[in-house]
Amino acid sequence: MSMISNKELRIKNILEIFKHPQKSEEKKDIYINIENAKREWEDAKNIFENVSQPDLVDYAIYKVEAAEKKYIYLLRQIKNGNTN
Protein backbone atom coordinates (compact mmCIF):
# COMPACT_ATOMS: atom_id res chain seq x y z
CA MET A 1 0.00 0.00 0.00
CA SER A 2 1.25 3.43 -0.85
CA MET A 3 0.91 6.36 1.50
CA ILE A 4 -0.81 9.43 0.09
CA SER A 5 0.59 12.71 1.33
CA ASN A 6 -1.50 15.63 2.52
CA LYS A 7 -0.37 17.60 -0.50
CA GLU A 8 -1.71 14.92 -2.83
CA LEU A 9 -5.00 14.86 -0.93
CA ARG A 10 -5.36 18.64 -1.26
CA ILE A 11 -4.68 18.43 -4.98
CA LYS A 12 -7.32 15.70 -5.32
CA ASN A 13 -9.82 17.88 -3.42
CA ILE A 14 -9.10 20.83 -5.71
CA LEU A 15 -9.55 18.63 -8.77
CA GLU A 16 -12.90 17.42 -7.39
CA ILE A 17 -14.06 21.03 -7.16
CA PHE A 18 -13.24 21.54 -10.83
CA LYS A 19 -15.07 18.33 -11.74
CA HIS A 20 -18.17 19.59 -9.91
CA PRO A 21 -18.19 23.38 -10.31
CA GLN A 22 -21.90 23.55 -9.53
CA LYS A 23 -21.32 22.19 -6.02
CA SER A 24 -18.62 24.77 -5.31
CA GLU A 25 -20.93 27.53 -6.56
CA GLU A 26 -23.72 26.25 -4.30
CA LYS A 27 -21.38 26.32 -1.31
CA LYS A 28 -20.23 29.79 -2.25
CA ASP A 29 -23.86 30.91 -2.42
CA ILE A 30 -24.70 29.49 1.00
CA TYR A 31 -21.71 31.26 2.56
CA ILE A 32 -22.82 34.52 0.94
CA ASN A 33 -26.33 33.95 2.30
CA ILE A 34 -24.92 33.31 5.78
CA GLU A 35 -22.88 36.50 5.66
CA ASN A 36 -25.92 38.47 4.48
CA ALA A 37 -28.07 36.98 7.25
CA LYS A 38 -25.43 37.90 9.84
CA ARG A 39 -25.34 41.47 8.53
CA GLU A 40 -29.16 41.61 8.57
CA TRP A 41 -29.16 40.43 12.19
CA GLU A 42 -26.55 43.03 13.19
CA ASP A 43 -28.54 45.76 11.42
CA ALA A 44 -31.70 44.67 13.22
CA LYS A 45 -29.93 44.79 16.59
CA ASN A 46 -28.68 48.26 15.75
CA ILE A 47 -32.22 49.39 14.91
CA PHE A 48 -33.47 47.96 18.21
CA GLU A 49 -30.76 49.73 20.19
CA ASN A 50 -31.54 53.05 18.56
CA VAL A 51 -35.33 52.98 18.33
CA SER A 52 -36.82 55.98 20.10
CA GLN A 53 -40.52 55.66 19.34
CA PRO A 54 -42.44 53.27 21.59
CA ASP A 55 -44.60 52.16 18.65
CA LEU A 56 -41.52 50.80 16.88
CA VAL A 57 -40.16 48.73 19.78
CA ASP A 58 -42.29 45.68 18.93
CA TYR A 59 -41.27 45.93 15.28
CA ALA A 60 -37.59 46.15 16.24
CA ILE A 61 -37.88 43.11 18.53
CA TYR A 62 -39.61 41.11 15.81
CA LYS A 63 -36.94 42.07 13.28
CA VAL A 64 -34.09 41.03 15.61
CA GLU A 65 -35.69 37.69 16.43
CA ALA A 66 -36.50 36.90 12.80
CA ALA A 67 -33.01 37.79 11.59
CA GLU A 68 -31.41 35.74 14.36
CA LYS A 69 -33.53 32.68 13.53
CA LYS A 70 -32.65 32.99 9.84
CA TYR A 71 -28.93 33.22 10.64
CA ILE A 72 -29.03 30.20 12.96
CA TYR A 73 -31.04 28.20 10.43
CA LEU A 74 -28.46 28.83 7.70
CA LEU A 75 -25.59 27.93 10.04
CA ARG A 76 -27.31 24.64 10.88
CA GLN A 77 -27.86 23.92 7.19
CA ILE A 78 -24.16 24.27 6.40
CA LYS A 79 -23.18 22.33 9.55
CA ASN A 80 -25.46 19.44 8.58
CA GLY A 81 -24.35 19.53 4.96
CA ASN A 82 -27.76 20.61 3.66
CA THR A 83 -26.80 23.31 1.22
CA ASN A 84 -29.97 23.09 -0.87
PDB file of N, CA and C in Angstrom:
ATOM      1  N   MET A   1       0.838  -1.179   0.000  1.00  0.00           N
ATOM      2  CA  MET A   1       0.000   0.000   0.000  1.00  0.00           C
ATOM      3  C   MET A   1       0.878   1.235   0.000  1.00  0.00           C
ATOM      4  N   SER A   2       0.489   2.188  -0.807  1.00  0.00           N
ATOM      5  CA  SER A   2       1.252   3.434  -0.850  1.00  0.00           C
ATOM      6  C   SER A   2       0.595   4.476   0.030  1.00  0.00           C
ATOM      7  N   MET A   3       1.408   5.281   0.635  1.00  0.00           N
ATOM      8  CA  MET A   3       0.908   6.357   1.495  1.00  0.00           C
ATOM      9  C   MET A   3       0.667   7.589   0.622  1.00  0.00           C
ATOM     10  N   ILE A   4      -0.475   8.212   0.826  1.00  0.00           N
ATOM     11  CA  ILE A   4      -0.806   9.429   0.093  1.00  0.00           C
ATOM     12  C   ILE A   4      -0.528  10.610   1.011  1.00  0.00           C
ATOM     13  N   SER A   5       0.239  11.552   0.501  1.00  0.00           N
ATOM     14  CA  SER A   5       0.594  12.705   1.329  1.00  0.00           C
ATOM     15  C   SER A   5      -0.565  13.701   1.405  1.00  0.00           C
ATOM     16  N   ASN A   6      -0.479  14.590   2.381  1.00  0.00           N
ATOM     17  CA  ASN A   6      -1.498  15.628   2.524  1.00  0.00           C
ATOM     18  C   ASN A   6      -1.565  16.513   1.293  1.00  0.00           C
ATOM     19  N   LYS A   7      -0.421  16.770   0.699  1.00  0.00           N
ATOM     20  CA  LYS A   7      -0.375  17.605  -0.498  1.00  0.00           C
ATOM     21  C   LYS A   7      -1.153  16.942  -1.636  1.00  0.00           C
ATOM     22  N   GLU A   8      -0.990  15.645  -1.790  1.00  0.00           N
ATOM     23  CA  GLU A   8      -1.713  14.916  -2.833  1.00  0.00           C
ATOM     24  C   GLU A   8      -3.212  14.923  -2.561  1.00  0.00           C
ATOM     25  N   LEU A   9      -3.592  14.814  -1.284  1.00  0.00           N
ATOM     26  CA  LEU A   9      -5.005  14.860  -0.930  1.00  0.00           C
ATOM     27  C   LEU A   9      -5.602  16.229  -1.247  1.00  0.00           C
ATOM     28  N   ARG A  10      -4.873  17.284  -0.960  1.00  0.00           N
ATOM     29  CA  ARG A  10      -5.358  18.638  -1.264  1.00  0.00           C
ATOM     30  C   ARG A  10      -5.520  18.824  -2.762  1.00  0.00           C
ATOM     31  N   ILE A  11      -4.596  18.321  -3.521  1.00  0.00           N
ATOM     32  CA  ILE A  11      -4.682  18.433  -4.981  1.00  0.00           C
ATOM     33  C   ILE A  11      -5.895  17.669  -5.484  1.00  0.00           C
ATOM     34  N   LYS A  12      -6.134  16.480  -4.927  1.00  0.00           N
ATOM     35  CA  LYS A  12      -7.317  15.702  -5.321  1.00  0.00           C
ATOM     36  C   LYS A  12      -8.596  16.452  -4.977  1.00  0.00           C
ATOM     37  N   ASN A  13      -8.640  17.100  -3.809  1.00  0.00           N
ATOM     38  CA  ASN A  13      -9.816  17.876  -3.421  1.00  0.00           C
ATOM     39  C   ASN A  13     -10.045  19.046  -4.373  1.00  0.00           C
ATOM     40  N   ILE A  14      -8.992  19.714  -4.762  1.00  0.00           N
ATOM     41  CA  ILE A  14      -9.102  20.830  -5.706  1.00  0.00           C
ATOM     42  C   ILE A  14      -9.610  20.331  -7.050  1.00  0.00           C
ATOM     43  N   LEU A  15      -9.090  19.193  -7.498  1.00  0.00           N
ATOM     44  CA  LEU A  15      -9.550  18.629  -8.769  1.00  0.00           C
ATOM     45  C   LEU A  15     -11.020  18.249  -8.707  1.00  0.00           C
ATOM     46  N   GLU A  16     -11.479  17.752  -7.560  1.00  0.00           N
ATOM     47  CA  GLU A  16     -12.899  17.420  -7.394  1.00  0.00           C
ATOM     48  C   GLU A  16     -13.774  18.658  -7.549  1.00  0.00           C
ATOM     49  N   ILE A  17     -13.295  19.778  -7.035  1.00  0.00           N
ATOM     50  CA  ILE A  17     -14.056  21.030  -7.165  1.00  0.00           C
ATOM     51  C   ILE A  17     -14.215  21.387  -8.635  1.00  0.00           C
ATOM     52  N   PHE A  18     -13.155  21.223  -9.406  1.00  0.00           N
ATOM     53  CA  PHE A  18     -13.239  21.538 -10.828  1.00  0.00           C
ATOM     54  C   PHE A  18     -14.126  20.550 -11.582  1.00  0.00           C
ATOM     55  N   LYS A  19     -14.193  19.317 -11.109  1.00  0.00           N
ATOM     56  CA  LYS A  19     -15.066  18.329 -11.743  1.00  0.00           C
ATOM     57  C   LYS A  19     -16.530  18.652 -11.477  1.00  0.00           C
ATOM     58  N   HIS A  20     -16.802  19.270 -10.319  1.00  0.00           N
ATOM     59  CA  HIS A  20     -18.168  19.588  -9.911  1.00  0.00           C
ATOM     60  C   HIS A  20     -18.287  21.074  -9.580  1.00  0.00           C
ATOM     61  N   PRO A  21     -18.163  21.935 -10.597  1.00  0.00           N
ATOM     62  CA  PRO A  21     -18.190  23.379 -10.310  1.00  0.00           C
ATOM     63  C   PRO A  21     -19.521  23.845  -9.735  1.00  0.00           C
ATOM     64  N   GLN A  22     -20.595  23.146 -10.042  1.00  0.00           N
ATOM     65  CA  GLN A  22     -21.901  23.553  -9.529  1.00  0.00           C
ATOM     66  C   GLN A  22     -21.937  23.431  -7.996  1.00  0.00           C
ATOM     67  N   LYS A  23     -21.349  22.374  -7.465  1.00  0.00           N
ATOM     68  CA  LYS A  23     -21.324  22.193  -6.017  1.00  0.00           C
ATOM     69  C   LYS A  23     -20.535  23.305  -5.345  1.00  0.00           C
ATOM     70  N   SER A  24     -19.409  23.702  -5.923  1.00  0.00           N
ATOM     71  CA  SER A  24     -18.621  24.766  -5.311  1.00  0.00           C
ATOM     72  C   SER A  24     -19.372  26.094  -5.390  1.00  0.00           C
ATOM     73  N   GLU A  25     -20.128  26.314  -6.451  1.00  0.00           N
ATOM     74  CA  GLU A  25     -20.935  27.529  -6.564  1.00  0.00           C
ATOM     75  C   GLU A  25     -22.056  27.520  -5.533  1.00  0.00           C
ATOM     76  N   GLU A  26     -22.659  26.355  -5.300  1.00  0.00           N
ATOM     77  CA  GLU A  26     -23.720  26.246  -4.296  1.00  0.00           C
ATOM     78  C   GLU A  26     -23.169  26.562  -2.916  1.00  0.00           C
ATOM     79  N   LYS A  27     -21.987  26.034  -2.601  1.00  0.00           N
ATOM     80  CA  LYS A  27     -21.376  26.317  -1.307  1.00  0.00           C
ATOM     81  C   LYS A  27     -21.038  27.795  -1.187  1.00  0.00           C
ATOM     82  N   LYS A  28     -20.544  28.366  -2.261  1.00  0.00           N
ATOM     83  CA  LYS A  28     -20.230  29.792  -2.251  1.00  0.00           C
ATOM     84  C   LYS A  28     -21.491  30.604  -1.983  1.00  0.00           C
ATOM     85  N   ASP A  29     -22.590  30.213  -2.613  1.00  0.00           N
ATOM     86  CA  ASP A  29     -23.861  30.908  -2.423  1.00  0.00           C
ATOM     87  C   ASP A  29     -24.346  30.816  -0.982  1.00  0.00           C
ATOM     88  N   ILE A  30     -24.230  29.643  -0.371  1.00  0.00           N
ATOM     89  CA  ILE A  30     -24.700  29.495   1.002  1.00  0.00           C
ATOM     90  C   ILE A  30     -23.858  30.340   1.956  1.00  0.00           C
ATOM     91  N   TYR A  31     -22.559  30.425   1.711  1.00  0.00           N
ATOM     92  CA  TYR A  31     -21.714  31.259   2.565  1.00  0.00           C
ATOM     93  C   TYR A  31     -22.060  32.741   2.388  1.00  0.00           C
ATOM     94  N   ILE A  32     -22.385  33.139   1.179  1.00  0.00           N
ATOM     95  CA  ILE A  32     -22.819  34.515   0.942  1.00  0.00           C
ATOM     96  C   ILE A  32     -24.133  34.773   1.666  1.00  0.00           C
ATOM     97  N   ASN A  33     -25.057  33.809   1.604  1.00  0.00           N
ATOM     98  CA  ASN A  33     -26.334  33.946   2.304  1.00  0.00           C
ATOM     99  C   ASN A  33     -26.134  34.042   3.814  1.00  0.00           C
ATOM    100  N   ILE A  34     -25.210  33.265   4.346  1.00  0.00           N
ATOM    101  CA  ILE A  34     -24.923  33.314   5.782  1.00  0.00           C
ATOM    102  C   ILE A  34     -24.371  34.682   6.158  1.00  0.00           C
ATOM    103  N   GLU A  35     -23.463  35.186   5.372  1.00  0.00           N
ATOM    104  CA  GLU A  35     -22.883  36.503   5.659  1.00  0.00           C
ATOM    105  C   GLU A  35     -23.955  37.594   5.573  1.00  0.00           C
ATOM    106  N   ASN A  36     -24.830  37.499   4.597  1.00  0.00           N
ATOM    107  CA  ASN A  36     -25.921  38.472   4.479  1.00  0.00           C
ATOM    108  C   ASN A  36     -26.877  38.378   5.663  1.00  0.00           C
ATOM    109  N   ALA A  37     -27.176  37.172   6.105  1.00  0.00           N
ATOM    110  CA  ALA A  37     -28.065  36.985   7.252  1.00  0.00           C
ATOM    111  C   ALA A  37     -27.434  37.546   8.524  1.00  0.00           C
ATOM    112  N   LYS A  38     -26.133  37.357   8.671  1.00  0.00           N
ATOM    113  CA  LYS A  38     -25.435  37.902   9.837  1.00  0.00           C
ATOM    114  C   LYS A  38     -25.504  39.426   9.823  1.00  0.00           C
ATOM    115  N   ARG A  39     -25.277  40.007   8.668  1.00  0.00           N
ATOM    116  CA  ARG A  39     -25.344  41.467   8.527  1.00  0.00           C
ATOM    117  C   ARG A  39     -26.758  41.976   8.813  1.00  0.00           C
ATOM    118  N   GLU A  40     -27.753  41.259   8.322  1.00  0.00           N
ATOM    119  CA  GLU A  40     -29.157  41.611   8.567  1.00  0.00           C
ATOM    120  C   GLU A  40     -29.469  41.569  10.064  1.00  0.00           C
ATOM    121  N   TRP A  41     -28.958  40.557  10.756  1.00  0.00           N
ATOM    122  CA  TRP A  41     -29.164  40.433  12.195  1.00  0.00           C
ATOM    123  C   TRP A  41     -28.499  41.591  12.938  1.00  0.00           C
ATOM    124  N   GLU A  42     -27.264  41.916  12.559  1.00  0.00           N
ATOM    125  CA  GLU A  42     -26.555  43.031  13.188  1.00  0.00           C
ATOM    126  C   GLU A  42     -27.275  44.354  12.940  1.00  0.00           C
ATOM    127  N   ASP A  43     -27.779  44.540  11.732  1.00  0.00           N
ATOM    128  CA  ASP A  43     -28.540  45.755  11.421  1.00  0.00           C
ATOM    129  C   ASP A  43     -29.808  45.838  12.266  1.00  0.00           C
ATOM    130  N   ALA A  44     -30.478  44.698  12.425  1.00  0.00           N
ATOM    131  CA  ALA A  44     -31.701  44.666  13.223  1.00  0.00           C
ATOM    132  C   ALA A  44     -31.410  44.992  14.687  1.00  0.00           C
ATOM    133  N   LYS A  45     -30.300  44.466  15.216  1.00  0.00           N
ATOM    134  CA  LYS A  45     -29.926  44.786  16.595  1.00  0.00           C
ATOM    135  C   LYS A  45     -29.619  46.274  16.741  1.00  0.00           C
ATOM    136  N   ASN A  46     -28.985  46.834  15.739  1.00  0.00           N
ATOM    137  CA  ASN A  46     -28.678  48.261  15.753  1.00  0.00           C
ATOM    138  C   ASN A  46     -29.961  49.095  15.747  1.00  0.00           C
ATOM    139  N   ILE A  47     -30.933  48.697  14.938  1.00  0.00           N
ATOM    140  CA  ILE A  47     -32.223  49.393  14.909  1.00  0.00           C
ATOM    141  C   ILE A  47     -32.873  49.324  16.287  1.00  0.00           C
ATOM    142  N   PHE A  48     -32.869  48.132  16.893  1.00  0.00           N
ATOM    143  CA  PHE A  48     -33.472  47.961  18.215  1.00  0.00           C
ATOM    144  C   PHE A  48     -32.811  48.860  19.249  1.00  0.00           C
ATOM    145  N   GLU A  49     -31.492  48.919  19.216  1.00  0.00           N
ATOM    146  CA  GLU A  49     -30.757  49.727  20.194  1.00  0.00           C
ATOM    147  C   GLU A  49     -31.000  51.223  20.019  1.00  0.00           C
ATOM    148  N   ASN A  50     -31.390  51.626  18.826  1.00  0.00           N
ATOM    149  CA  ASN A  50     -31.538  53.054  18.556  1.00  0.00           C
ATOM    150  C   ASN A  50     -32.975  53.509  18.361  1.00  0.00           C
ATOM    151  N   VAL A  51     -33.940  52.602  18.527  1.00  0.00           N
ATOM    152  CA  VAL A  51     -35.331  52.981  18.333  1.00  0.00           C
ATOM    153  C   VAL A  51     -35.739  53.928  19.470  1.00  0.00           C
ATOM    154  N   SER A  52     -36.422  54.991  19.096  1.00  0.00           N
ATOM    155  CA  SER A  52     -36.817  55.976  20.104  1.00  0.00           C
ATOM    156  C   SER A  52     -38.333  56.092  20.244  1.00  0.00           C
ATOM    157  N   GLN A  53     -39.061  55.585  19.287  1.00  0.00           N
ATOM    158  CA  GLN A  53     -40.517  55.662  19.337  1.00  0.00           C
ATOM    159  C   GLN A  53     -41.077  54.365  19.916  1.00  0.00           C
ATOM    160  N   PRO A  54     -41.890  54.477  20.954  1.00  0.00           N
ATOM    161  CA  PRO A  54     -42.443  53.267  21.591  1.00  0.00           C
ATOM    162  C   PRO A  54     -43.212  52.369  20.618  1.00  0.00           C
ATOM    163  N   ASP A  55     -43.843  52.957  19.612  1.00  0.00           N
ATOM    164  CA  ASP A  55     -44.601  52.156  18.646  1.00  0.00           C
ATOM    165  C   ASP A  55     -43.702  51.245  17.804  1.00  0.00           C
ATOM    166  N   LEU A  56     -42.435  51.580  17.709  1.00  0.00           N
ATOM    167  CA  LEU A  56     -41.521  50.803  16.878  1.00  0.00           C
ATOM    168  C   LEU A  56     -40.751  49.737  17.656  1.00  0.00           C
ATOM    169  N   VAL A  57     -40.895  49.710  18.965  1.00  0.00           N
ATOM    170  CA  VAL A  57     -40.160  48.731  19.776  1.00  0.00           C
ATOM    171  C   VAL A  57     -40.547  47.306  19.401  1.00  0.00           C
ATOM    172  N   ASP A  58     -41.845  47.030  19.292  1.00  0.00           N
ATOM    173  CA  ASP A  58     -42.289  45.677  18.930  1.00  0.00           C
ATOM    174  C   ASP A  58     -41.756  45.273  17.562  1.00  0.00           C
ATOM    175  N   TYR A  59     -41.792  46.203  16.618  1.00  0.00           N
ATOM    176  CA  TYR A  59     -41.267  45.933  15.278  1.00  0.00           C
ATOM    177  C   TYR A  59     -39.778  45.597  15.347  1.00  0.00           C
ATOM    178  N   ALA A  60     -39.033  46.370  16.126  1.00  0.00           N
ATOM    179  CA  ALA A  60     -37.589  46.150  16.240  1.00  0.00           C
ATOM    180  C   ALA A  60     -37.296  44.788  16.869  1.00  0.00           C
ATOM    181  N   ILE A  61     -38.069  44.421  17.891  1.00  0.00           N
ATOM    182  CA  ILE A  61     -37.878  43.111  18.532  1.00  0.00           C
ATOM    183  C   ILE A  61     -38.162  41.993  17.531  1.00  0.00           C
ATOM    184  N   TYR A  62     -39.255  42.107  16.813  1.00  0.00           N
ATOM    185  CA  TYR A  62     -39.613  41.107  15.805  1.00  0.00           C
ATOM    186  C   TYR A  62     -38.500  40.964  14.773  1.00  0.00           C
ATOM    187  N   LYS A  63     -37.978  42.088  14.311  1.00  0.00           N
ATOM    188  CA  LYS A  63     -36.938  42.072  13.282  1.00  0.00           C
ATOM    189  C   LYS A  63     -35.663  41.389  13.790  1.00  0.00           C
ATOM    190  N   VAL A  64     -35.286  41.662  15.029  1.00  0.00           N
ATOM    191  CA  VAL A  64     -34.094  41.033  15.615  1.00  0.00           C
ATOM    192  C   VAL A  64     -34.293  39.525  15.726  1.00  0.00           C
ATOM    193  N   GLU A  65     -35.438  39.116  16.248  1.00  0.00           N
ATOM    194  CA  GLU A  65     -35.694  37.689  16.432  1.00  0.00           C
ATOM    195  C   GLU A  65     -35.763  36.949  15.101  1.00  0.00           C
ATOM    196  N   ALA A  66     -36.395  37.543  14.110  1.00  0.00           N
ATOM    197  CA  ALA A  66     -36.501  36.896  12.796  1.00  0.00           C
ATOM    198  C   ALA A  66     -35.135  36.771  12.136  1.00  0.00           C
ATOM    199  N   ALA A  67     -34.342  37.825  12.206  1.00  0.00           N
ATOM    200  CA  ALA A  67     -33.012  37.792  11.588  1.00  0.00           C
ATOM    201  C   ALA A  67     -32.111  36.778  12.286  1.00  0.00           C
ATOM    202  N   GLU A  68     -32.207  36.701  13.607  1.00  0.00           N
ATOM    203  CA  GLU A  68     -31.405  35.739  14.363  1.00  0.00           C
ATOM    204  C   GLU A  68     -31.776  34.306  13.981  1.00  0.00           C
ATOM    205  N   LYS A  69     -33.071  34.036  13.889  1.00  0.00           N
ATOM    206  CA  LYS A  69     -33.526  32.681  13.530  1.00  0.00           C
ATOM    207  C   LYS A  69     -33.063  32.299  12.121  1.00  0.00           C
ATOM    208  N   LYS A  70     -33.101  33.244  11.205  1.00  0.00           N
ATOM    209  CA  LYS A  70     -32.648  32.989   9.837  1.00  0.00           C
ATOM    210  C   LYS A  70     -31.154  32.652   9.830  1.00  0.00           C
ATOM    211  N   TYR A  71     -30.367  33.431  10.561  1.00  0.00           N
ATOM    212  CA  TYR A  71     -28.926  33.224  10.636  1.00  0.00           C
ATOM    213  C   TYR A  71     -28.613  31.843  11.224  1.00  0.00           C
ATOM    214  N   ILE A  72     -29.258  31.498  12.316  1.00  0.00           N
ATOM    215  CA  ILE A  72     -29.033  30.201  12.964  1.00  0.00           C
ATOM    216  C   ILE A  72     -29.460  29.056  12.046  1.00  0.00           C
ATOM    217  N   TYR A  73     -30.578  29.228  11.373  1.00  0.00           N
ATOM    218  CA  TYR A  73     -31.045  28.204  10.432  1.00  0.00           C
ATOM    219  C   TYR A  73     -29.994  27.940   9.347  1.00  0.00           C
ATOM    220  N   LEU A  74     -29.457  28.997   8.763  1.00  0.00           N
ATOM    221  CA  LEU A  74     -28.459  28.829   7.702  1.00  0.00           C
ATOM    222  C   LEU A  74     -27.185  28.190   8.232  1.00  0.00           C
ATOM    223  N   LEU A  75     -26.771  28.556   9.438  1.00  0.00           N
ATOM    224  CA  LEU A  75     -25.590  27.928  10.037  1.00  0.00           C
ATOM    225  C   LEU A  75     -25.814  26.429  10.243  1.00  0.00           C
ATOM    226  N   ARG A  76     -27.004  26.069  10.690  1.00  0.00           N
ATOM    227  CA  ARG A  76     -27.309  24.639  10.876  1.00  0.00           C
ATOM    228  C   ARG A  76     -27.320  23.897   9.543  1.00  0.00           C
ATOM    229  N   GLN A  77     -27.818  24.549   8.509  1.00  0.00           N
ATOM    230  CA  GLN A  77     -27.861  23.917   7.194  1.00  0.00           C
ATOM    231  C   GLN A  77     -26.449  23.582   6.729  1.00  0.00           C
ATOM    232  N   ILE A  78     -25.536  24.530   6.861  1.00  0.00           N
ATOM    233  CA  ILE A  78     -24.160  24.265   6.399  1.00  0.00           C
ATOM    234  C   ILE A  78     -23.482  23.246   7.313  1.00  0.00           C
ATOM    235  N   LYS A  79     -23.775  23.286   8.613  1.00  0.00           N
ATOM    236  CA  LYS A  79     -23.176  22.330   9.549  1.00  0.00           C
ATOM    237  C   LYS A  79     -23.630  20.911   9.241  1.00  0.00           C
ATOM    238  N   ASN A  80     -24.898  20.762   8.890  1.00  0.00           N
ATOM    239  CA  ASN A  80     -25.457  19.445   8.585  1.00  0.00           C
ATOM    240  C   ASN A  80     -25.224  19.021   7.142  1.00  0.00           C
ATOM    241  N   GLY A  81     -24.619  19.873   6.347  1.00  0.00           N
ATOM    242  CA  GLY A  81     -24.348  19.534   4.958  1.00  0.00           C
ATOM    243  C   GLY A  81     -25.521  19.697   4.036  1.00  0.00           C
ATOM    244  N   ASN A  82     -26.571  20.364   4.494  1.00  0.00           N
ATOM    245  CA  ASN A  82     -27.761  20.606   3.665  1.00  0.00           C
ATOM    246  C   ASN A  82     -27.643  21.977   3.029  1.00  0.00           C
ATOM    247  N   THR A  83     -27.014  22.031   1.871  1.00  0.00           N
ATOM    248  CA  THR A  83     -26.800  23.315   1.219  1.00  0.00           C
ATOM    249  C   THR A  83     -27.863  23.599   0.157  1.00  0.00           C
ATOM    250  N   ASN A  84     -28.916  22.861   0.116  1.00  0.00           N
ATOM    251  CA  ASN A  84     -29.967  23.088  -0.873  1.00  0.00           C
ATOM    252  C   ASN A  84     -30.956  24.083  -0.352  1.00  0.00           C
TER     253      ASN A  84
END
